[in-house]
N, C-alpha and C. Protein backbone atom coordinates (compact mmCIF):
# COMPACT_ATOMS: atom_id res chain seq x y z
N MET A 1 -79.36 47.58 23.81
CA MET A 1 -78.33 47.30 22.85
C MET A 1 -77.20 46.50 23.50
N GLY A 2 -76.85 46.86 24.74
CA GLY A 2 -75.79 46.16 25.46
C GLY A 2 -76.17 44.74 25.80
N SER A 3 -77.47 44.53 26.10
CA SER A 3 -77.88 43.17 26.44
C SER A 3 -77.93 42.29 25.20
N GLU A 4 -78.18 42.87 24.03
CA GLU A 4 -78.17 42.11 22.79
C GLU A 4 -76.75 41.65 22.47
N LYS A 5 -75.77 42.54 22.66
CA LYS A 5 -74.37 42.17 22.41
C LYS A 5 -73.94 41.07 23.38
N GLY A 6 -74.39 41.16 24.61
CA GLY A 6 -74.06 40.13 25.60
C GLY A 6 -74.68 38.80 25.25
N SER A 7 -75.92 38.84 24.75
CA SER A 7 -76.60 37.61 24.34
C SER A 7 -75.91 36.98 23.14
N ILE A 8 -75.53 37.82 22.19
CA ILE A 8 -74.83 37.31 21.00
C ILE A 8 -73.48 36.73 21.40
N LEU A 9 -72.77 37.43 22.26
CA LEU A 9 -71.46 36.95 22.74
C LEU A 9 -71.60 35.62 23.47
N LEU A 10 -72.64 35.49 24.29
CA LEU A 10 -72.89 34.25 25.01
C LEU A 10 -73.23 33.12 24.03
N ALA A 11 -74.06 33.40 23.03
CA ALA A 11 -74.44 32.39 22.04
C ALA A 11 -73.23 31.94 21.23
N VAL A 12 -72.38 32.89 20.82
CA VAL A 12 -71.17 32.55 20.07
C VAL A 12 -70.23 31.72 20.94
N SER A 13 -70.11 32.08 22.20
CA SER A 13 -69.25 31.32 23.12
C SER A 13 -69.75 29.89 23.29
N VAL A 14 -71.05 29.71 23.41
CA VAL A 14 -71.63 28.37 23.53
C VAL A 14 -71.39 27.57 22.25
N ILE A 15 -71.55 28.21 21.10
CA ILE A 15 -71.30 27.51 19.82
C ILE A 15 -69.84 27.09 19.72
N PHE A 16 -68.91 27.99 20.08
CA PHE A 16 -67.49 27.63 20.06
C PHE A 16 -67.18 26.50 21.04
N LEU A 17 -67.83 26.50 22.20
CA LEU A 17 -67.64 25.43 23.18
C LEU A 17 -68.11 24.10 22.60
N ILE A 18 -69.27 24.11 21.96
CA ILE A 18 -69.80 22.87 21.36
C ILE A 18 -68.88 22.39 20.24
N ILE A 19 -68.43 23.30 19.39
CA ILE A 19 -67.51 22.93 18.30
C ILE A 19 -66.21 22.39 18.88
N GLY A 20 -65.70 23.02 19.93
CA GLY A 20 -64.48 22.55 20.57
C GLY A 20 -64.63 21.15 21.15
N LEU A 21 -65.78 20.88 21.80
CA LEU A 21 -66.04 19.54 22.34
C LEU A 21 -66.16 18.51 21.22
N LEU A 22 -66.79 18.88 20.12
CA LEU A 22 -66.89 17.97 18.98
C LEU A 22 -65.50 17.66 18.41
N LEU A 23 -64.66 18.67 18.29
CA LEU A 23 -63.30 18.45 17.78
C LEU A 23 -62.50 17.56 18.73
N LEU A 24 -62.64 17.78 20.03
CA LEU A 24 -61.95 16.91 21.00
C LEU A 24 -62.44 15.46 20.88
N SER A 25 -63.73 15.28 20.67
CA SER A 25 -64.28 13.93 20.48
C SER A 25 -63.71 13.28 19.23
N VAL A 26 -63.62 14.04 18.16
CA VAL A 26 -63.05 13.51 16.91
C VAL A 26 -61.59 13.12 17.12
N LEU A 27 -60.83 13.96 17.82
CA LEU A 27 -59.43 13.63 18.10
C LEU A 27 -59.31 12.38 18.97
N GLU A 28 -60.18 12.23 19.95
CA GLU A 28 -60.18 11.05 20.81
C GLU A 28 -60.50 9.80 20.00
N LEU A 29 -61.49 9.89 19.12
CA LEU A 29 -61.84 8.76 18.25
C LEU A 29 -60.68 8.40 17.33
N ALA A 30 -60.01 9.40 16.80
CA ALA A 30 -58.86 9.14 15.93
C ALA A 30 -57.75 8.45 16.71
N SER A 31 -57.54 8.85 17.95
CA SER A 31 -56.52 8.22 18.79
C SER A 31 -56.88 6.77 19.08
N ILE A 32 -58.15 6.52 19.39
CA ILE A 32 -58.60 5.15 19.65
C ILE A 32 -58.45 4.30 18.39
N GLU A 33 -58.83 4.84 17.24
CA GLU A 33 -58.69 4.12 15.97
C GLU A 33 -57.23 3.77 15.69
N ARG A 34 -56.34 4.70 15.96
CA ARG A 34 -54.91 4.47 15.74
C ARG A 34 -54.40 3.34 16.63
N LYS A 35 -54.80 3.35 17.89
CA LYS A 35 -54.38 2.28 18.82
C LYS A 35 -54.94 0.94 18.38
N MET A 36 -56.22 0.92 17.97
CA MET A 36 -56.82 -0.34 17.52
C MET A 36 -56.12 -0.85 16.27
N SER A 37 -55.80 0.04 15.35
CA SER A 37 -55.11 -0.34 14.13
C SER A 37 -53.73 -0.91 14.44
N ARG A 38 -53.00 -0.27 15.35
CA ARG A 38 -51.67 -0.76 15.72
C ARG A 38 -51.77 -2.13 16.39
N ASN A 39 -52.75 -2.30 17.30
CA ASN A 39 -52.93 -3.58 17.96
C ASN A 39 -53.31 -4.67 16.97
N TYR A 40 -54.16 -4.34 16.00
CA TYR A 40 -54.56 -5.31 14.99
C TYR A 40 -53.36 -5.69 14.12
N THR A 41 -52.54 -4.72 13.77
CA THR A 41 -51.33 -4.99 12.99
C THR A 41 -50.39 -5.91 13.77
N ASP A 42 -50.21 -5.64 15.06
CA ASP A 42 -49.37 -6.51 15.89
C ASP A 42 -49.95 -7.91 15.99
N LEU A 43 -51.27 -8.03 16.08
CA LEU A 43 -51.92 -9.33 16.12
C LEU A 43 -51.66 -10.10 14.83
N LEU A 44 -51.81 -9.42 13.68
CA LEU A 44 -51.54 -10.07 12.40
C LEU A 44 -50.08 -10.48 12.28
N GLN A 45 -49.16 -9.64 12.75
CA GLN A 45 -47.74 -9.99 12.69
C GLN A 45 -47.43 -11.17 13.61
N ALA A 46 -48.09 -11.24 14.75
CA ALA A 46 -47.89 -12.38 15.65
C ALA A 46 -48.40 -13.66 14.99
N ARG A 47 -49.54 -13.58 14.29
CA ARG A 47 -50.05 -14.75 13.57
C ARG A 47 -49.11 -15.16 12.44
N GLN A 48 -48.56 -14.17 11.75
CA GLN A 48 -47.59 -14.49 10.69
C GLN A 48 -46.33 -15.11 11.28
N ALA A 49 -45.93 -14.67 12.46
CA ALA A 49 -44.77 -15.27 13.13
C ALA A 49 -45.06 -16.72 13.48
N VAL A 50 -46.29 -17.01 13.92
CA VAL A 50 -46.68 -18.39 14.20
C VAL A 50 -46.61 -19.22 12.92
N ASP A 51 -47.18 -18.69 11.83
CA ASP A 51 -47.16 -19.42 10.56
C ASP A 51 -45.73 -19.65 10.08
N GLY A 52 -44.88 -18.64 10.20
CA GLY A 52 -43.48 -18.80 9.83
C GLY A 52 -42.78 -19.82 10.70
N GLY A 53 -43.08 -19.80 11.99
CA GLY A 53 -42.49 -20.77 12.92
C GLY A 53 -42.94 -22.18 12.61
N VAL A 54 -44.20 -22.34 12.26
CA VAL A 54 -44.71 -23.67 11.91
C VAL A 54 -44.02 -24.18 10.64
N ALA A 55 -43.93 -23.34 9.62
CA ALA A 55 -43.28 -23.75 8.37
C ALA A 55 -41.81 -24.11 8.60
N ARG A 56 -41.11 -23.28 9.37
CA ARG A 56 -39.69 -23.54 9.64
C ARG A 56 -39.52 -24.81 10.47
N THR A 57 -40.38 -25.02 11.44
CA THR A 57 -40.29 -26.22 12.28
C THR A 57 -40.60 -27.47 11.48
N CYS A 58 -41.56 -27.39 10.57
CA CYS A 58 -41.85 -28.54 9.69
C CYS A 58 -40.63 -28.88 8.84
N GLN A 59 -39.96 -27.86 8.33
CA GLN A 59 -38.76 -28.06 7.52
C GLN A 59 -37.64 -28.67 8.36
N LEU A 60 -37.42 -28.15 9.56
CA LEU A 60 -36.37 -28.69 10.43
C LEU A 60 -36.68 -30.12 10.86
N THR A 61 -37.96 -30.40 11.11
CA THR A 61 -38.35 -31.76 11.49
C THR A 61 -38.08 -32.73 10.36
N LEU A 62 -38.45 -32.35 9.13
CA LEU A 62 -38.19 -33.22 7.99
C LEU A 62 -36.70 -33.45 7.81
N SER A 63 -35.89 -32.40 7.93
CA SER A 63 -34.44 -32.56 7.81
C SER A 63 -33.90 -33.51 8.87
N SER A 64 -34.41 -33.39 10.08
CA SER A 64 -33.98 -34.26 11.16
C SER A 64 -34.40 -35.71 10.90
N LEU A 65 -35.62 -35.88 10.41
CA LEU A 65 -36.11 -37.23 10.10
C LEU A 65 -35.30 -37.85 8.96
N GLN A 66 -34.99 -37.06 7.94
CA GLN A 66 -34.20 -37.58 6.83
C GLN A 66 -32.78 -37.94 7.27
N ALA A 67 -32.24 -37.16 8.20
CA ALA A 67 -30.89 -37.47 8.70
C ALA A 67 -30.88 -38.78 9.47
N GLY A 68 -31.99 -39.12 10.11
CA GLY A 68 -32.07 -40.36 10.87
C GLY A 68 -32.82 -41.45 10.14
N ALA A 69 -32.85 -41.40 8.81
CA ALA A 69 -33.64 -42.36 8.02
C ALA A 69 -33.12 -43.78 8.12
N GLY A 70 -31.91 -43.96 8.62
CA GLY A 70 -31.37 -45.31 8.75
C GLY A 70 -31.81 -46.03 10.00
N ALA A 71 -32.40 -45.32 10.95
CA ALA A 71 -32.89 -45.95 12.18
C ALA A 71 -34.28 -46.52 11.94
N GLU A 72 -34.52 -47.71 12.49
CA GLU A 72 -35.80 -48.37 12.24
C GLU A 72 -36.97 -47.64 12.92
N ALA A 73 -36.76 -47.12 14.11
CA ALA A 73 -37.83 -46.41 14.83
C ALA A 73 -37.73 -44.92 14.54
N LEU A 74 -38.88 -44.29 14.42
CA LEU A 74 -38.89 -42.83 14.26
C LEU A 74 -38.47 -42.18 15.58
N PRO A 75 -37.71 -41.10 15.51
CA PRO A 75 -37.30 -40.44 16.76
C PRO A 75 -38.48 -39.77 17.45
N GLY A 76 -38.50 -39.84 18.77
CA GLY A 76 -39.59 -39.23 19.54
C GLY A 76 -39.52 -37.72 19.57
N LEU A 77 -38.30 -37.16 19.62
CA LEU A 77 -38.09 -35.71 19.65
C LEU A 77 -37.08 -35.32 18.58
N PRO A 78 -37.49 -35.21 17.32
CA PRO A 78 -36.51 -34.94 16.27
C PRO A 78 -35.91 -33.54 16.33
N VAL A 79 -36.64 -32.56 16.82
CA VAL A 79 -36.13 -31.19 16.86
C VAL A 79 -36.31 -30.66 18.28
N GLY A 80 -36.01 -31.49 19.25
CA GLY A 80 -36.25 -31.13 20.64
C GLY A 80 -35.44 -29.94 21.12
N ALA A 81 -34.29 -29.67 20.52
CA ALA A 81 -33.43 -28.58 21.00
C ALA A 81 -33.84 -27.22 20.46
N ASN A 82 -34.69 -27.17 19.44
CA ASN A 82 -35.08 -25.90 18.83
C ASN A 82 -36.29 -25.28 19.51
N THR A 83 -36.19 -24.98 20.80
CA THR A 83 -37.32 -24.40 21.51
C THR A 83 -37.12 -22.93 21.84
N GLY A 84 -35.95 -22.39 21.58
CA GLY A 84 -35.70 -20.98 21.90
C GLY A 84 -36.37 -20.04 20.91
N SER A 85 -36.44 -18.78 21.28
CA SER A 85 -37.05 -17.77 20.40
C SER A 85 -36.19 -17.57 19.16
N GLN A 86 -36.85 -17.47 18.03
CA GLN A 86 -36.20 -17.20 16.76
C GLN A 86 -36.72 -15.87 16.24
N VAL A 87 -35.84 -14.89 16.10
CA VAL A 87 -36.25 -13.58 15.61
C VAL A 87 -36.47 -13.66 14.11
N ILE A 88 -37.57 -13.07 13.64
CA ILE A 88 -37.89 -13.07 12.22
C ILE A 88 -37.63 -11.68 11.67
N GLY A 89 -36.86 -11.57 10.61
CA GLY A 89 -36.62 -10.27 9.97
C GLY A 89 -35.74 -9.37 10.80
N ASP A 90 -36.09 -8.11 10.86
CA ASP A 90 -35.32 -7.08 11.55
C ASP A 90 -35.41 -7.29 13.07
N PRO A 91 -34.27 -7.49 13.76
CA PRO A 91 -34.32 -7.72 15.21
C PRO A 91 -34.96 -6.57 15.98
N SER A 92 -34.88 -5.35 15.47
CA SER A 92 -35.49 -4.23 16.18
C SER A 92 -37.01 -4.25 16.08
N GLY A 93 -37.53 -5.04 15.14
CA GLY A 93 -38.98 -5.13 14.97
C GLY A 93 -39.66 -5.98 16.02
N GLN A 94 -38.89 -6.77 16.76
CA GLN A 94 -39.41 -7.57 17.86
C GLN A 94 -40.47 -8.59 17.43
N VAL A 95 -40.40 -9.10 16.22
CA VAL A 95 -41.30 -10.16 15.79
C VAL A 95 -40.52 -11.46 15.89
N SER A 96 -41.06 -12.43 16.65
CA SER A 96 -40.33 -13.67 16.86
C SER A 96 -41.30 -14.83 17.06
N TYR A 97 -40.75 -16.04 16.99
CA TYR A 97 -41.53 -17.23 17.32
C TYR A 97 -40.67 -18.15 18.17
N ARG A 98 -41.34 -19.04 18.88
CA ARG A 98 -40.62 -20.08 19.63
C ARG A 98 -41.51 -21.30 19.72
N ILE A 99 -40.86 -22.44 19.81
CA ILE A 99 -41.58 -23.69 19.99
C ILE A 99 -41.71 -23.92 21.49
N ARG A 100 -42.92 -24.11 21.94
CA ARG A 100 -43.17 -24.22 23.38
C ARG A 100 -42.99 -25.65 23.87
N GLY A 101 -42.81 -25.77 25.17
CA GLY A 101 -42.73 -27.08 25.81
C GLY A 101 -41.45 -27.82 25.45
N GLU A 102 -41.58 -29.11 25.23
CA GLU A 102 -40.43 -29.96 24.93
C GLU A 102 -40.06 -29.94 23.46
N GLY A 103 -40.77 -29.23 22.66
CA GLY A 103 -40.46 -29.17 21.23
C GLY A 103 -41.39 -30.08 20.45
N VAL A 104 -40.88 -30.60 19.36
CA VAL A 104 -41.66 -31.44 18.46
C VAL A 104 -41.61 -32.87 18.98
N LYS A 105 -42.79 -33.47 19.18
CA LYS A 105 -42.85 -34.82 19.73
C LYS A 105 -43.65 -35.73 18.81
N LEU A 106 -43.23 -36.99 18.74
CA LEU A 106 -43.97 -37.99 17.98
C LEU A 106 -45.28 -38.28 18.69
N ALA A 107 -46.40 -38.06 18.00
CA ALA A 107 -47.72 -38.29 18.59
C ALA A 107 -48.28 -39.64 18.18
N VAL A 108 -48.14 -39.98 16.89
CA VAL A 108 -48.67 -41.24 16.36
C VAL A 108 -47.68 -41.79 15.35
N GLN A 109 -47.43 -43.11 15.43
CA GLN A 109 -46.59 -43.74 14.41
C GLN A 109 -47.37 -44.87 13.77
N GLY A 110 -47.53 -44.79 12.46
CA GLY A 110 -48.16 -45.85 11.70
C GLY A 110 -47.10 -46.62 10.93
N SER A 111 -47.54 -47.57 10.12
CA SER A 111 -46.57 -48.38 9.37
C SER A 111 -45.91 -47.58 8.25
N ASN A 112 -46.59 -46.55 7.75
CA ASN A 112 -46.00 -45.76 6.67
C ASN A 112 -46.15 -44.24 6.89
N TYR A 113 -46.33 -43.84 8.12
CA TYR A 113 -46.43 -42.42 8.43
C TYR A 113 -46.10 -42.18 9.91
N GLY A 114 -45.79 -40.94 10.19
CA GLY A 114 -45.59 -40.50 11.57
C GLY A 114 -46.23 -39.13 11.72
N ILE A 115 -46.92 -38.92 12.83
CA ILE A 115 -47.54 -37.62 13.10
C ILE A 115 -46.81 -36.99 14.28
N TYR A 116 -46.29 -35.80 14.05
CA TYR A 116 -45.57 -35.06 15.08
C TYR A 116 -46.40 -33.86 15.52
N ALA A 117 -46.38 -33.58 16.81
CA ALA A 117 -47.17 -32.48 17.37
C ALA A 117 -46.25 -31.49 18.08
N PHE A 118 -46.62 -30.23 18.02
CA PHE A 118 -45.89 -29.19 18.74
C PHE A 118 -46.78 -27.97 18.88
N SER A 119 -46.33 -27.06 19.71
CA SER A 119 -47.04 -25.81 19.94
C SER A 119 -46.09 -24.66 19.62
N CYS A 120 -46.53 -23.74 18.78
CA CYS A 120 -45.70 -22.62 18.35
C CYS A 120 -46.31 -21.31 18.83
N GLU A 121 -45.44 -20.45 19.36
CA GLU A 121 -45.88 -19.15 19.88
C GLU A 121 -45.21 -18.04 19.08
N GLY A 122 -46.01 -17.14 18.53
CA GLY A 122 -45.48 -15.98 17.81
C GLY A 122 -45.79 -14.72 18.59
N SER A 123 -44.87 -13.76 18.55
CA SER A 123 -45.12 -12.51 19.27
C SER A 123 -44.66 -11.32 18.44
N SER A 124 -45.35 -10.22 18.65
CA SER A 124 -45.02 -8.96 17.99
C SER A 124 -45.37 -7.82 18.92
N HIS A 125 -44.35 -7.15 19.43
CA HIS A 125 -44.55 -5.99 20.32
C HIS A 125 -45.48 -6.30 21.48
N GLY A 126 -45.30 -7.46 22.10
CA GLY A 126 -46.09 -7.82 23.27
C GLY A 126 -47.38 -8.56 22.98
N VAL A 127 -47.81 -8.63 21.73
CA VAL A 127 -49.00 -9.38 21.37
C VAL A 127 -48.56 -10.81 21.05
N VAL A 128 -49.20 -11.79 21.68
CA VAL A 128 -48.79 -13.19 21.56
C VAL A 128 -49.93 -14.02 20.97
N GLN A 129 -49.59 -14.87 20.01
CA GLN A 129 -50.51 -15.85 19.44
C GLN A 129 -49.85 -17.21 19.56
N THR A 130 -50.64 -18.23 19.88
CA THR A 130 -50.12 -19.58 20.02
C THR A 130 -50.96 -20.53 19.19
N ALA A 131 -50.31 -21.48 18.54
CA ALA A 131 -51.02 -22.48 17.74
C ALA A 131 -50.55 -23.87 18.12
N SER A 132 -51.50 -24.79 18.21
CA SER A 132 -51.19 -26.20 18.39
C SER A 132 -51.24 -26.84 17.00
N VAL A 133 -50.21 -27.63 16.68
CA VAL A 133 -50.06 -28.13 15.32
C VAL A 133 -49.73 -29.62 15.34
N LYS A 134 -50.28 -30.34 14.36
CA LYS A 134 -49.89 -31.73 14.11
C LYS A 134 -49.54 -31.84 12.63
N VAL A 135 -48.41 -32.49 12.36
CA VAL A 135 -47.92 -32.62 10.99
C VAL A 135 -47.70 -34.10 10.69
N ARG A 136 -48.20 -34.55 9.54
CA ARG A 136 -48.06 -35.95 9.12
C ARG A 136 -46.96 -36.06 8.08
N TYR A 137 -46.02 -36.96 8.33
CA TYR A 137 -44.93 -37.24 7.39
C TYR A 137 -45.11 -38.67 6.90
N GLY A 138 -45.32 -38.82 5.59
CA GLY A 138 -45.45 -40.15 5.00
C GLY A 138 -44.09 -40.67 4.57
N PHE A 139 -43.91 -41.98 4.66
CA PHE A 139 -42.63 -42.56 4.27
C PHE A 139 -42.82 -43.98 3.75
N SER A 140 -41.79 -44.48 3.10
CA SER A 140 -41.74 -45.86 2.65
C SER A 140 -40.50 -46.50 3.27
N ASN A 141 -40.70 -47.65 3.89
CA ASN A 141 -39.56 -48.38 4.45
C ASN A 141 -38.93 -49.24 3.37
N ILE A 142 -37.62 -49.24 3.31
CA ILE A 142 -36.88 -50.05 2.35
C ILE A 142 -36.21 -51.19 3.11
N TYR A 143 -36.44 -52.40 2.63
CA TYR A 143 -35.89 -53.58 3.29
C TYR A 143 -34.92 -54.29 2.35
N LYS A 144 -33.92 -54.90 2.93
CA LYS A 144 -33.02 -55.80 2.20
C LYS A 144 -33.35 -57.21 2.66
N TYR A 145 -33.34 -58.10 1.70
CA TYR A 145 -33.66 -59.48 2.03
C TYR A 145 -32.37 -60.29 2.10
N THR A 146 -32.13 -60.86 3.25
CA THR A 146 -30.98 -61.74 3.43
C THR A 146 -31.50 -63.04 4.02
N SER A 147 -31.12 -64.12 3.43
CA SER A 147 -31.57 -65.45 3.85
C SER A 147 -33.09 -65.55 3.86
N GLY A 148 -33.74 -64.80 2.96
CA GLY A 148 -35.18 -64.87 2.86
C GLY A 148 -35.93 -64.02 3.87
N TYR A 149 -35.21 -63.34 4.73
CA TYR A 149 -35.85 -62.51 5.75
C TYR A 149 -35.62 -61.03 5.45
N PRO A 150 -36.66 -60.23 5.60
CA PRO A 150 -36.48 -58.79 5.36
C PRO A 150 -35.80 -58.12 6.56
N LEU A 151 -34.78 -57.34 6.26
CA LEU A 151 -34.11 -56.54 7.28
C LEU A 151 -34.24 -55.07 6.90
N PHE A 152 -34.63 -54.26 7.87
CA PHE A 152 -34.80 -52.84 7.62
C PHE A 152 -33.48 -52.24 7.17
N ASP A 153 -33.53 -51.44 6.08
CA ASP A 153 -32.33 -50.78 5.58
C ASP A 153 -32.41 -49.27 5.83
N HIS A 154 -33.47 -48.63 5.32
CA HIS A 154 -33.65 -47.19 5.52
C HIS A 154 -35.08 -46.82 5.14
N ARG A 155 -35.41 -45.57 5.33
CA ARG A 155 -36.75 -45.11 4.92
C ARG A 155 -36.61 -43.89 4.02
N ILE A 156 -37.56 -43.76 3.11
CA ILE A 156 -37.63 -42.61 2.20
C ILE A 156 -38.91 -41.85 2.53
N PHE A 157 -38.77 -40.55 2.76
CA PHE A 157 -39.94 -39.73 3.06
C PHE A 157 -40.59 -39.29 1.76
N ASN A 158 -41.90 -39.50 1.66
CA ASN A 158 -42.65 -39.27 0.43
C ASN A 158 -43.12 -37.83 0.25
N ASP A 159 -43.11 -37.05 1.32
CA ASP A 159 -43.62 -35.69 1.23
C ASP A 159 -42.85 -34.77 2.17
N GLN A 160 -43.19 -33.50 2.12
CA GLN A 160 -42.53 -32.49 2.95
C GLN A 160 -43.21 -32.34 4.31
N GLY A 161 -44.23 -33.12 4.54
CA GLY A 161 -45.02 -32.99 5.76
C GLY A 161 -46.30 -32.25 5.44
N ARG A 162 -47.40 -32.76 5.96
CA ARG A 162 -48.71 -32.15 5.70
C ARG A 162 -49.35 -31.82 7.03
N VAL A 163 -49.71 -30.55 7.21
CA VAL A 163 -50.35 -30.13 8.45
C VAL A 163 -51.75 -30.72 8.50
N THR A 164 -52.01 -31.55 9.51
CA THR A 164 -53.32 -32.19 9.64
C THR A 164 -54.17 -31.52 10.72
N TYR A 165 -53.55 -30.73 11.59
CA TYR A 165 -54.27 -30.04 12.65
C TYR A 165 -53.58 -28.72 12.92
N TYR A 166 -54.36 -27.65 12.93
CA TYR A 166 -53.82 -26.31 13.21
C TYR A 166 -54.89 -25.55 13.97
N GLN A 167 -54.64 -25.28 15.23
CA GLN A 167 -55.62 -24.58 16.06
C GLN A 167 -54.97 -23.42 16.78
N LEU A 168 -55.45 -22.19 16.50
CA LEU A 168 -54.97 -21.03 17.24
C LEU A 168 -55.58 -21.08 18.63
N ASP A 169 -54.73 -21.02 19.64
CA ASP A 169 -55.20 -21.04 21.02
C ASP A 169 -55.62 -19.63 21.42
N LYS A 170 -56.58 -19.56 22.26
CA LYS A 170 -57.06 -18.25 22.70
C LYS A 170 -56.45 -17.89 24.03
């Protein structure tokens, strides 16, 4: 009778040990899932910061180009000074973007368009995403004719800028 109680006690102890190990495994999996979810959320926020930075930089570039519409040549660095980090939303959230390198640079100039290139970096809680971007701005040159010769007067931009290249860097 005593050996039966010992056997039952041993079997119950082994079952509790197995159940305990299974519960620990479930808790470990839940912890891993939580970390993966948080990292994925930070990755998505970093990508959104890049997208916000690209949109804002396109807007600033257009404003800069429109301000210099009286110059015959397109500026090589229209928003060159805007390379610092820009915090998006709540500063405690640590979501920000910055324009890398020298800023926005003229890559190609055609007779009625200019293509500007830049690299934007977004970050969220230590997760960083970077995108290389090219934006095309179409324009029309306005000339005044004096003595039968056309003289450049100003340019009118036809659009808000169209992203022609967007590549997330790995």
